[in-house]
Each structure stands twice: as structure tokens, then as C-alpha cells.
Protein backbone atom coordinates (compact mmCIF):
# COMPACT_ATOMS: atom_id res chain seq x y z
CA MET A 1 -19.49 12.41 43.20
CA SER A 2 -18.97 13.75 46.68
CA PHE A 3 -20.69 16.36 48.77
CA GLN A 4 -17.71 16.06 51.11
CA ASP A 5 -15.21 16.98 48.40
CA GLY A 6 -17.38 19.80 47.08
CA TRP A 7 -18.05 21.21 50.54
CA ALA A 8 -14.38 20.94 51.48
CA ALA A 9 -13.42 22.94 48.38
CA MET A 10 -16.16 25.49 49.11
CA ASN A 11 -14.54 25.92 52.54
CA LEU A 12 -10.99 26.02 51.13
CA GLU A 13 -10.10 22.70 52.71
CA MET A 14 -8.08 20.80 50.09
CA PRO A 15 -9.99 17.61 49.12
CA PRO A 16 -8.03 14.56 47.88
CA ARG A 17 -9.23 15.11 44.32
CA VAL A 18 -10.03 18.17 42.25
CA PRO A 19 -13.83 18.41 42.38
CA ARG A 20 -15.80 19.36 39.29
CA THR A 21 -18.99 20.62 37.76
CA GLU A 22 -20.20 21.10 34.20
CA TYR A 23 -22.91 23.06 32.40
CA SER A 24 -25.33 21.68 29.77
CA ALA A 25 -23.53 18.34 29.52
CA GLU A 26 -26.38 16.81 31.53
CA ARG A 27 -28.76 17.84 28.72
CA HIS A 28 -26.56 16.57 25.88
CA TRP A 29 -28.88 13.59 25.44
CA ASP A 30 -26.57 11.49 23.26
CA LEU A 31 -23.83 11.94 25.86
CA VAL A 32 -26.27 11.14 28.67
CA LYS A 33 -27.25 7.92 26.89
CA ALA A 34 -23.63 6.96 26.20
CA THR A 35 -22.74 7.53 29.86
CA THR A 36 -25.77 6.15 31.69
CA GLY A 37 -27.48 3.87 29.18
CA ILE A 38 -30.73 5.77 29.72
CA GLU A 39 -32.75 6.33 26.54
CA VAL A 40 -33.63 10.01 26.55
CA THR A 41 -34.18 12.62 23.82
CA SER A 42 -35.43 16.19 23.49
CA GLU A 43 -38.95 14.70 23.19
CA THR A 44 -38.77 12.79 26.49
CA PRO A 45 -41.09 14.13 29.24
CA ALA A 46 -39.42 16.75 31.42
CA GLU A 47 -39.40 14.74 34.65
CA GLU A 48 -37.74 11.77 32.90
CA GLN A 49 -35.17 14.16 31.43
CA PHE A 50 -34.50 15.54 34.92
CA GLN A 51 -33.94 12.07 36.34
CA ALA A 52 -31.62 11.17 33.46
CA SER A 53 -29.69 14.41 34.01
CA CYS A 54 -29.32 13.55 37.70
CA ALA A 55 -27.98 10.09 36.80
CA PHE A 56 -25.49 11.70 34.43
CA ARG A 57 -24.30 14.16 37.08
CA LYS A 58 -23.69 11.26 39.43
CA ALA A 59 -21.78 9.30 36.78
CA TRP A 60 -19.62 12.32 35.94
CA ASN A 61 -18.92 13.17 39.59
CA TYR A 62 -20.45 16.62 39.80
CA ASP A 63 -19.44 17.98 43.20
CA PHE A 64 -21.58 21.06 42.96
CA VAL A 65 -24.58 21.89 40.80
CA TRP A 66 -24.76 25.39 39.30
CA ALA A 67 -28.31 26.65 39.79
CA ILE A 68 -30.20 29.94 39.81
CA ARG A 69 -33.73 31.18 39.43
CA THR A 70 -33.93 33.18 36.21
CA LEU A 71 -36.69 35.38 37.72
CA ASP A 72 -37.60 36.70 34.25
CA ALA A 73 -41.30 36.42 35.19
CA ILE A 74 -40.81 39.29 37.64
CA PHE A 75 -40.62 41.65 34.65
CA GLY A 76 -44.12 40.74 33.47
CA ASN A 77 -44.71 42.00 29.94
CA VAL A 78 -42.33 44.95 30.28
CA LYS A 79 -39.24 43.24 28.92
CA THR A 80 -37.55 42.80 25.57
CA ARG A 81 -37.68 39.62 23.53
CA MET A 82 -34.42 39.29 21.63
CA GLY A 83 -35.08 35.87 20.15
CA HIS A 84 -32.79 32.89 20.68
CA ALA A 85 -30.54 30.95 18.33
CA GLU A 86 -30.71 27.16 18.21
CA TYR A 87 -28.60 25.69 21.01
CA ALA A 88 -30.40 22.80 22.70
CA THR A 89 -30.83 19.34 21.19
CA GLY A 90 -33.53 19.42 18.55
CA GLY A 91 -33.55 23.21 18.49
CA THR A 92 -36.12 23.29 21.29
CA ASP A 93 -34.85 26.69 22.44
CA TYR A 94 -35.08 28.42 19.04
CA ASP A 95 -37.12 31.63 19.20
CA ASP A 96 -37.56 34.10 16.34
CA GLN A 97 -39.90 36.44 18.22
CA ILE A 98 -38.32 39.89 18.68
CA TYR A 99 -40.02 42.72 20.54
CA CYS A 100 -38.94 45.74 22.60
CA PRO A 101 -41.42 47.77 24.70
CA PHE A 102 -39.18 50.86 24.56
CA SER A 103 -39.30 53.13 21.52
CA ASP A 104 -36.32 55.42 22.24
CA PRO A 105 -33.37 55.73 24.66
CA GLU A 106 -34.97 58.67 26.49
CA GLU A 107 -37.73 56.30 27.58
CA VAL A 108 -35.05 53.96 28.93
CA LEU A 109 -33.41 56.77 30.88
CA ARG A 110 -36.73 57.64 32.57
CA PHE A 111 -37.48 54.06 33.53
CA ASP A 112 -38.15 53.26 37.20
CA PRO A 113 -38.45 49.53 37.99
CA MET A 114 -40.23 50.10 41.31
CA GLU A 115 -42.95 52.14 39.63
CA THR A 116 -43.32 49.61 36.84
CA TYR A 117 -43.02 46.27 38.65
CA GLY A 118 -43.87 47.16 42.24
CA PRO A 119 -42.76 45.54 45.49
CA CYS A 120 -41.62 41.95 45.89
CA ASP A 121 -43.69 39.37 47.78
CA ARG A 122 -40.74 38.46 49.98
CA ALA A 123 -42.19 35.34 51.59
CA LYS A 124 -43.21 34.00 48.19
CA PHE A 125 -39.69 34.32 46.83
CA VAL A 126 -38.05 32.92 49.95
CA LYS A 127 -40.13 29.81 49.26
CA LYS A 128 -39.21 29.80 45.56
CA PHE A 129 -35.48 29.86 46.35
CA GLU A 130 -35.87 27.17 48.99
CA ASP A 131 -38.03 24.98 46.75
CA GLN A 132 -35.43 25.07 43.98
CA TYR A 133 -32.63 24.28 46.40
CA ARG A 134 -34.53 21.40 48.00
CA ARG A 135 -35.53 19.89 44.66
CA PHE A 136 -31.90 19.62 43.61
CA ALA A 137 -30.62 18.66 47.07
CA THR A 138 -33.15 15.82 47.21
CA ALA A 139 -32.42 14.60 43.68
CA ILE A 140 -28.63 15.11 43.86
CA PRO A 141 -27.70 14.72 47.54
CA ASP A 142 -24.07 13.86 46.79
CA ALA A 143 -23.21 17.36 45.58
CA VAL A 144 -23.24 20.91 46.91
CA ASN A 145 -26.46 22.53 45.73
CA MET A 146 -27.54 26.14 45.58
CA SER A 147 -30.05 28.66 44.33
CA GLY A 148 -29.46 32.19 43.18
CA ILE A 149 -30.37 35.15 40.98
CA TYR A 150 -29.73 35.40 37.24
CA VAL A 151 -30.85 39.00 36.63
CA THR A 152 -28.53 40.64 39.16
CA LEU A 153 -27.89 44.01 37.51
CA VAL A 154 -26.48 44.23 33.97
CA SER A 155 -28.25 40.99 33.02
CA GLY A 156 -31.47 42.39 34.44
CA LEU A 157 -31.17 45.61 32.49
CA LEU A 158 -30.44 43.59 29.37
CA GLU A 159 -33.57 41.46 29.91
CA ILE A 160 -35.64 44.63 30.21
CA PHE A 161 -34.16 46.81 27.47
CA GLY A 162 -32.38 44.49 25.03
CA TRP A 163 -28.96 45.24 23.58
CA ASP A 164 -29.98 48.00 21.17
CA MET A 165 -31.77 50.20 23.69
CA LEU A 166 -29.28 49.47 26.46
CA LEU A 167 -26.30 50.55 24.36
CA LEU A 168 -28.10 53.57 22.92
CA ALA A 169 -29.10 54.84 26.38
CA ALA A 170 -25.67 54.15 27.89
CA GLY A 171 -23.96 55.90 24.99
CA LEU A 172 -26.32 58.85 24.94
CA ASP A 173 -26.16 59.56 28.69
CA PRO A 174 -23.80 57.33 30.73
CA ASP A 175 -24.60 59.13 33.98
CA GLY A 176 -28.31 58.95 33.33
CA PHE A 177 -28.06 55.25 32.55
CA GLY A 178 -26.07 54.84 35.75
CA GLU A 179 -29.04 56.28 37.62
CA VAL A 180 -31.22 53.65 35.94
CA ALA A 181 -28.79 51.03 37.31
CA ASN A 182 -29.13 52.62 40.76
CA ARG A 183 -32.93 52.45 40.59
CA TYR A 184 -32.79 48.86 39.39
CA THR A 185 -30.54 48.00 42.34
CA LEU A 186 -33.09 49.39 44.81
CA TRP A 187 -35.78 47.24 43.21
CA ILE A 188 -33.86 43.94 42.66
CA GLY A 189 -32.46 44.31 46.17
CA GLN A 190 -35.80 43.02 47.47
CA TYR A 191 -35.06 39.67 45.84
CA PHE A 192 -31.56 39.58 47.28
CA GLU A 193 -33.09 40.11 50.71
CA ALA A 194 -35.43 37.19 50.05
CA LEU A 195 -32.46 35.06 49.00
CA ALA A 196 -30.67 36.06 52.20
CA ASP A 197 -33.70 34.90 54.22
CA ALA A 198 -33.90 31.58 52.39
CA ASP A 199 -32.48 28.42 53.94
CA VAL A 200 -29.89 28.03 51.16
CA PRO A 201 -26.24 27.93 52.28
CA VAL A 202 -24.60 28.53 48.89
CA VAL A 203 -25.92 31.14 46.47
CA MET A 204 -25.07 31.94 42.88
CA VAL A 205 -25.00 35.57 41.78
CA HIS A 206 -25.04 35.77 38.00
CA ASP A 207 -24.45 38.92 35.95
CA ASP A 208 -23.11 39.05 32.39
CA ILE A 209 -21.25 42.32 32.69
CA VAL A 210 -18.88 42.01 29.72
CA TRP A 211 -18.47 40.63 26.22
CA SER A 212 -15.80 38.13 25.17
CA SER A 213 -13.63 41.15 24.31
CA GLY A 214 -14.16 42.73 27.73
CA PRO A 215 -16.26 45.69 28.97
CA PHE A 216 -18.78 47.20 26.56
CA ILE A 217 -18.97 50.49 28.50
CA HIS A 218 -15.96 52.42 29.81
CA PRO A 219 -14.50 50.67 32.90
CA ASP A 220 -14.93 53.84 34.96
CA TRP A 221 -18.70 53.50 34.51
CA TYR A 222 -18.67 50.01 36.03
CA ARG A 223 -16.67 51.29 38.98
CA ARG A 224 -19.17 54.10 39.56
CA PHE A 225 -22.43 52.23 39.00
CA ILE A 226 -21.96 48.45 39.05
CA PHE A 227 -19.56 47.46 41.82
CA PRO A 228 -20.88 49.91 44.46
CA ASN A 229 -24.33 48.48 43.75
CA TYR A 230 -22.98 44.94 44.01
CA LYS A 231 -21.85 45.77 47.53
CA LYS A 232 -25.38 46.88 48.40
CA LEU A 233 -26.92 43.75 46.89
CA LEU A 234 -24.46 41.35 48.50
CA ALA A 235 -24.63 42.94 51.96
CA PRO A 236 -27.66 40.91 53.17
CA LEU A 237 -26.13 37.70 51.78
CA ILE A 238 -22.87 38.39 53.60
CA GLU A 239 -24.75 39.21 56.80
CA ALA A 240 -26.65 35.91 56.45
CA LYS A 241 -23.28 34.11 56.09
CA LYS A 242 -24.03 32.68 52.65
CA ARG A 243 -21.27 31.29 50.47
CA ILE A 244 -21.49 33.64 47.49
CA MET A 245 -20.42 32.37 44.08
CA TYR A 246 -20.22 34.84 41.18
CA THR A 247 -20.66 34.10 37.48
CA SER A 248 -20.24 36.29 34.43
CA ASP A 249 -19.89 35.19 30.85
CA GLY A 250 -17.23 36.85 28.72
CA ASN A 251 -13.86 38.26 29.76
CA TYR A 252 -14.08 39.97 33.14
CA SER A 253 -10.32 39.84 33.81
CA LEU A 254 -10.18 43.63 34.15
CA PHE A 255 -12.68 43.50 37.01
CA ILE A 256 -11.51 40.48 39.02
CA ASP A 257 -10.19 42.67 41.85
CA ASP A 258 -13.33 44.83 41.84
CA ILE A 259 -15.57 41.76 42.12
CA ALA A 260 -13.44 40.25 44.88
CA ALA A 261 -13.70 43.51 46.83
CA CYS A 262 -17.50 43.24 46.76
CA GLY A 263 -17.33 40.22 49.06
CA VAL A 264 -17.86 37.18 46.85
CA ASN A 265 -16.41 33.83 47.93
CA GLY A 266 -15.82 32.40 44.48
CA PHE A 267 -15.54 33.01 40.75
CA VAL A 268 -17.08 31.06 37.86
CA MET A 269 -15.63 31.99 34.49
CA GLU A 270 -15.42 31.27 30.80
CA PRO A 271 -12.09 30.54 29.06
CA THR A 272 -11.58 34.20 28.15
CA THR A 273 -11.20 35.29 31.80
CA ASP A 274 -7.68 35.01 33.22
CA MET A 275 -7.91 32.05 35.60
CA ALA A 276 -4.16 32.09 36.17
CA TYR A 277 -4.45 35.58 37.69
CA ILE A 278 -7.27 34.42 39.97
CA ALA A 279 -5.23 31.41 41.07
CA GLU A 280 -2.15 33.52 41.75
CA LYS A 281 -3.90 36.27 43.72
CA TYR A 282 -6.97 34.56 45.18
CA GLY A 283 -6.19 30.85 44.99
CA LYS A 284 -5.80 30.49 48.76
CA THR A 285 -8.72 32.72 49.73
CA HIS A 286 -11.41 32.08 47.10
CA VAL A 287 -13.13 29.28 45.25
CA PHE A 288 -12.80 29.34 41.46
CA VAL A 289 -14.34 27.22 38.73
CA GLY A 290 -13.26 26.60 35.15
CA ASN A 291 -12.05 27.18 32.61
CA ALA A 292 -11.40 24.59 29.90
CA ASP A 293 -12.27 25.88 26.44
CA THR A 294 -15.45 24.33 25.06
CA ARG A 295 -14.21 24.96 21.51
CA ILE A 296 -11.43 22.44 22.06
CA LEU A 297 -13.96 19.74 22.93
CA LEU A 298 -16.01 20.76 19.92
CA SER A 299 -13.30 20.52 17.27
CA GLY A 300 -9.96 19.61 18.87
CA THR A 301 -7.98 16.39 18.78
CA ARG A 302 -7.51 14.07 21.74
CA GLU A 303 -4.08 15.62 22.21
CA ASP A 304 -5.65 19.09 22.27
CA ILE A 305 -8.19 17.99 24.87
CA ARG A 306 -5.52 16.47 27.09
CA ARG A 307 -3.38 19.62 26.88
CA GLU A 308 -6.36 21.76 27.86
CA VAL A 309 -7.14 19.66 30.93
CA GLU A 310 -3.45 19.71 31.85
CA ARG A 311 -3.43 23.52 31.53
CA CYS A 312 -6.36 23.87 33.91
CA MET A 313 -4.94 21.38 36.39
CA LYS A 314 -1.56 23.13 36.35
CA ILE A 315 -3.27 26.38 37.32
CA GLY A 316 -5.81 25.06 39.80
CA LYS A 317 -4.64 21.81 41.32
CA GLY A 318 -2.59 23.43 44.04
CA CYS A 319 -5.49 25.64 45.15
CA PRO A 320 -7.91 24.24 47.75
CA GLY A 321 -11.05 25.77 46.26
CA TYR A 322 -10.55 24.86 42.61
CA PHE A 323 -13.30 23.05 40.67
CA MET A 324 -12.68 21.70 37.17
CA ALA A 325 -15.23 22.61 34.51
CA VAL A 326 -15.51 23.35 30.83
CA GLY A 327 -15.66 27.11 31.08
CA ASN A 328 -18.76 27.77 29.08
CA HIS A 329 -20.90 24.72 28.32
CA ILE A 330 -20.69 21.29 26.74
CA PRO A 331 -23.47 21.81 24.18
CA SER A 332 -25.33 19.12 22.31
CA ASN A 333 -23.22 19.46 19.13
CA THR A 334 -20.06 18.44 21.02
CA PRO A 335 -18.88 15.06 19.67
CA VAL A 336 -19.73 12.40 22.23
CA GLU A 337 -16.32 10.75 21.88
CA ASN A 338 -14.58 14.07 22.66
CA ALA A 339 -16.68 14.66 25.76
CA LEU A 340 -16.06 11.12 26.98
CA TYR A 341 -12.34 11.51 26.45
CA TYR A 342 -12.34 14.83 28.31
CA ASN A 343 -13.99 13.09 31.27
CA GLU A 344 -11.46 10.27 31.09
CA VAL A 345 -8.56 12.71 31.23
CA TYR A 346 -10.17 14.65 34.08
CA GLU A 347 -10.56 11.46 36.12
CA GLU A 348 -6.95 10.51 35.39
CA LEU A 349 -5.47 13.89 36.35
CA GLY A 350 -7.89 14.92 39.09
CA ARG A 351 -6.26 13.02 41.94
CA ARG A 352 -4.03 15.13 44.14
């Protein structure tokens, strides 16, 4: 675990080993126990879980820690509950409550976030971003830490409207829904300005803009209403000289160039996004993170796991800003022996 290696990669200065991060592995409690010896379960108090997760990150040499503020509370009660399938150990995240405050797509098309939610208390949110950053930086000082925003644009609209109403409104009136995106940008921009003011050197901008199959609205719509708004949102972060990392789930290969043009410094991706293209075109100018396939750890053989790490290393090892990661998550149903073997292979192949 090395802040120096992580920071070098963030600054495109080739460290002597390929740095890494992971997602959810630090809450795979059987894996945490097998790695650290700490007895921890889904029933363990939250602060003890946090300390065990920190010990796991140190043991697995996390060189940066992916972190954002979800900010879902900023929507108050005017947001959709879509429920949640069981994912975490013990099913602690299962939610069967489903509710949408919008009755028809025309209501969505009239929606104005500023009228509904009002202005941001900027100083309050500067402190929230800084508090999150400092909590992790204090607990995990040997890694690059960050804060950021989860509900950037598409993810924010999804939190508010849910999939059904979002797709109905976008299909009924794409231009009208684009205007909703424009209004949302004006409102969420307040929080980006707060993040720019915060004493946080690296920021994560998260927005799930696609499905695993790619865009769910015509690409032209994204280029009219998403990426121009990204440029507006990122402008204060760029002016504040933040290192801007960008994450989207799904396959955003079609939009890699568009996202790069918005001014981000790095890409975080799932296995469906074309990491080889990023390495070829942006490997000397941008950070990128990923993208081993979590399904291979879930059900593959040791040979499969080794081949997948070799694939990622072949793409990324020659690039100064590459971080190894399983390009989705290492969830709690991943066999412990597979995860341990993945880490063993990473440590073997990670030296430059």
C-alpha cells in the first residue's frame, strides 16, 4: 500500500509497480477475515466494520480509495424508490419498497429541480466533502483518497424519476427531457461548486450514463444534452486544479472521446468498456482503472483468473497512470479462494 505509488500514477509518473484499488472487497466479510484475521460479520457494529475494512485495504495494497458522497438526501422526499436486490453479506441492502412521486411523463417534463429542492447551503456541503475526505485520509493515510458526487446528471435524474418515468419522458419528448437535464445541471452545479471549494485534491465524478449494452437513448441526445453539461459542471473543478476521475457503470466505449474532451483526468470502468482503446489513445495522458471481469472471479478456474489478470496487465502495465482493479465489484458471493488467488496473481504480475 503506497500513497507514493498511487500519487505517482495519478500524476502519470510511472511507479515501480502497478498500483491498485478494488470495490466492495473490503466488505466481503469472509474475505476480510481470511486476509486480516479480524472476526467481522454483517452484524458487527459499523465502526468496527470500518476499521476491519481499512485493515483489509492495507493488506491488499489499495493505492487509492474510490469514494463519493451519494447526496441522495438532497432530493428530500421527491425521489423514486426502486427497491434493491440482495447484494451485501446477509442481504442487509435488500429493499422491496417501490414508490414514484411522478404519475405521468408530462409531469417529468415540467420538473424544475431548483423550484423543488431550492438552493444549496454551499458552506455546509464544502464541509461534508472535506469531512468525508479527512475521515478516509486519516484512517487510510497510505493511499490516495478523495470525495466526489454520485448523482452527477443521468444518475441524478434516475434517482429522481426512476427508470420507467425517465425512459417514458425521454422517449415521448427527447428535446423536452434534454431541457430537464439542462435544468438539473443548473441546480446540481451548486454542489460541484462546493466540491471545487473543498480542500480535496482528487475528486470522483460518477454518472451511470449507459447500460451494459451501451447507450439507452440515441447517442446524439447525449452529445446535445449530457457532455455540454458535463463541461459546465467540471469547469469549477478544473479551475480549482482538482484531479478529476470519472466513473460510469456499463459500456461507455462509444463516449470515451466525448468524456475525455470534457476535461477529466481519468477513467474508471467496468469490463464492458473498451480499456484497450483507452490505453492506446489516452494511456500516456490519462489515468485509467480496471477492468478485470468480476464474473471470472465468481465462477472461473484459477487458469481463467490468471489469464484475466494477464490481459489487464498486458493492456495497462506500460501506461504510467494504470491502476489494476476488478472492473465492477468483488461481491460477498465471490469464493474466498478465488479472490485470494486473484490477489496472489496481481502481486506476482504487478511489478514493472
